[in-house]
């Protein structure tokens, strides 16, 4: 087994994809949180507006928290 390429299975590309995604929804997430006043209310608002999550699931309070801390 050759470990020379260990860790090169697209990790950097995935990281760049994640960063690009978060930048694309940053304004909407921050606005929802500041306007609604809580992670739960922000998640409801983002779901109501059909703002997509990274993987196409619903927003949850923890997802909003993770997004806010990502910035």
C-alpha atoms as a PDB file:
ATOM      1  CA  UNK A   1       0.000   0.000   0.000  1.00  0.00           C
ATOM      2  CA  UNK A   2       1.366   3.379  -1.002  1.00  0.00           C
ATOM      3  CA  UNK A   3       0.596   6.154   1.500  1.00  0.00           C
ATOM      4  CA  UNK A   4       2.273   8.790  -0.651  1.00  0.00           C
ATOM      5  CA  UNK A   5      -1.081  10.231  -1.774  1.00  0.00           C
ATOM      6  CA  UNK A   6      -2.865   9.838   1.531  1.00  0.00           C
ATOM      7  CA  UNK A   7      -5.188  12.760   2.140  1.00  0.00           C
ATOM      8  CA  UNK A   8      -5.490  13.741  -1.512  1.00  0.00           C
ATOM      9  CA  UNK A   9      -8.950  12.303  -2.143  1.00  0.00           C
ATOM     10  CA  UNK A  10     -10.512  15.667  -2.874  1.00  0.00           C
ATOM     11  CA  UNK A  11     -10.429  17.136   0.613  1.00  0.00           C
ATOM     12  CA  UNK A  12      -9.142  20.490  -0.585  1.00  0.00           C
ATOM     13  CA  UNK A  13     -11.711  20.644  -3.394  1.00  0.00           C
ATOM     14  CA  UNK A  14     -14.515  19.852  -0.927  1.00  0.00           C
ATOM     15  CA  UNK A  15     -13.254  22.539   1.451  1.00  0.00           C
ATOM     16  CA  UNK A  16     -13.297  25.085  -1.375  1.00  0.00           C
ATOM     17  CA  UNK A  17     -16.825  23.989  -2.350  1.00  0.00           C
ATOM     18  CA  UNK A  18     -17.984  24.444   1.256  1.00  0.00           C
ATOM     19  CA  UNK A  19     -16.427  27.883   1.533  1.00  0.00           C
ATOM     20  CA  UNK A  20     -18.008  28.970  -1.768  1.00  0.00           C
ATOM     21  CA  UNK A  21     -21.401  27.714  -0.584  1.00  0.00           C
ATOM     22  CA  UNK A  22     -21.201  29.515   2.776  1.00  0.00           C
ATOM     23  CA  UNK A  23     -20.219  32.741   1.042  1.00  0.00           C
ATOM     24  CA  UNK A  24     -23.227  32.376  -1.287  1.00  0.00           C
ATOM     25  CA  UNK A  25     -25.729  32.209   1.609  1.00  0.00           C
ATOM     26  CA  UNK A  26     -23.884  34.338   4.153  1.00  0.00           C
ATOM     27  CA  UNK A  27     -26.027  37.451   3.766  1.00  0.00           C
ATOM     28  CA  UNK A  28     -29.318  35.526   3.993  1.00  0.00           C
ATOM     29  CA  UNK A  29     -28.224  33.574   7.078  1.00  0.00           C
ATOM     30  CA  UNK A  30     -26.924  36.637   8.910  1.00  0.00           C
ATOM     31  CA  UNK A  31     -30.010  38.664   8.006  1.00  0.00           C
ATOM     32  CA  UNK A  32     -32.358  35.911   9.175  1.00  0.00           C
ATOM     33  CA  UNK A  33     -30.500  35.578  12.474  1.00  0.00           C
ATOM     34  CA  UNK A  34     -30.330  39.322  13.134  1.00  0.00           C
ATOM     35  CA  UNK A  35     -33.951  39.898  12.103  1.00  0.00           C
ATOM     36  CA  UNK A  36     -35.467  36.902  13.865  1.00  0.00           C
ATOM     37  CA  UNK A  37     -33.299  37.031  16.994  1.00  0.00           C
ATOM     38  CA  UNK A  38     -32.660  33.325  17.554  1.00  0.00           C
ATOM     39  CA  UNK A  39     -31.222  30.325  15.748  1.00  0.00           C
ATOM     40  CA  UNK A  40     -34.598  28.551  15.812  1.00  0.00           C
ATOM     41  CA  UNK A  41     -36.499  31.471  14.326  1.00  0.00           C
ATOM     42  CA  UNK A  42     -33.769  32.037  11.747  1.00  0.00           C
ATOM     43  CA  UNK A  43     -33.967  28.374  10.705  1.00  0.00           C
ATOM     44  CA  UNK A  44     -37.744  28.657  10.261  1.00  0.00           C
ATOM     45  CA  UNK A  45     -37.304  31.798   8.153  1.00  0.00           C
ATOM     46  CA  UNK A  46     -34.597  30.247   5.966  1.00  0.00           C
ATOM     47  CA  UNK A  47     -36.797  27.182   5.411  1.00  0.00           C
ATOM     48  CA  UNK A  48     -39.784  29.408   4.618  1.00  0.00           C
ATOM     49  CA  UNK A  49     -37.691  31.253   2.022  1.00  0.00           C
ATOM     50  CA  UNK A  50     -36.413  27.910   0.705  1.00  0.00           C
ATOM     51  CA  UNK A  51     -32.776  28.910   1.087  1.00  0.00           C
ATOM     52  CA  UNK A  52     -30.892  25.689   0.336  1.00  0.00           C
ATOM     53  CA  UNK A  53     -28.530  24.144   2.837  1.00  0.00           C
ATOM     54  CA  UNK A  54     -25.231  22.694   1.665  1.00  0.00           C
ATOM     55  CA  UNK A  55     -26.780  19.242   1.205  1.00  0.00           C
ATOM     56  CA  UNK A  56     -30.348  20.252   0.360  1.00  0.00           C
ATOM     57  CA  UNK A  57     -31.843  19.453   3.776  1.00  0.00           C
ATOM     58  CA  UNK A  58     -33.883  21.725   6.033  1.00  0.00           C
ATOM     59  CA  UNK A  59     -32.273  24.368   8.187  1.00  0.00           C
ATOM     60  CA  UNK A  60     -32.079  23.572  11.900  1.00  0.00           C
ATOM     61  CA  UNK A  61     -30.961  25.818  14.758  1.00  0.00           C
ATOM     62  CA  UNK A  62     -27.592  24.043  14.879  1.00  0.00           C
ATOM     63  CA  UNK A  63     -27.122  24.537  11.123  1.00  0.00           C
ATOM     64  CA  UNK A  64     -27.683  28.268  11.543  1.00  0.00           C
ATOM     65  CA  UNK A  65     -25.279  28.344  14.487  1.00  0.00           C
ATOM     66  CA  UNK A  66     -22.655  26.466  12.471  1.00  0.00           C
ATOM     67  CA  UNK A  67     -23.113  28.869   9.566  1.00  0.00           C
ATOM     68  CA  UNK A  68     -22.753  31.936  11.789  1.00  0.00           C
ATOM     69  CA  UNK A  69     -19.601  30.549  13.410  1.00  0.00           C
ATOM     70  CA  UNK A  70     -18.183  29.680   9.966  1.00  0.00           C
ATOM     71  CA  UNK A  71     -17.783  33.360   9.113  1.00  0.00           C
END
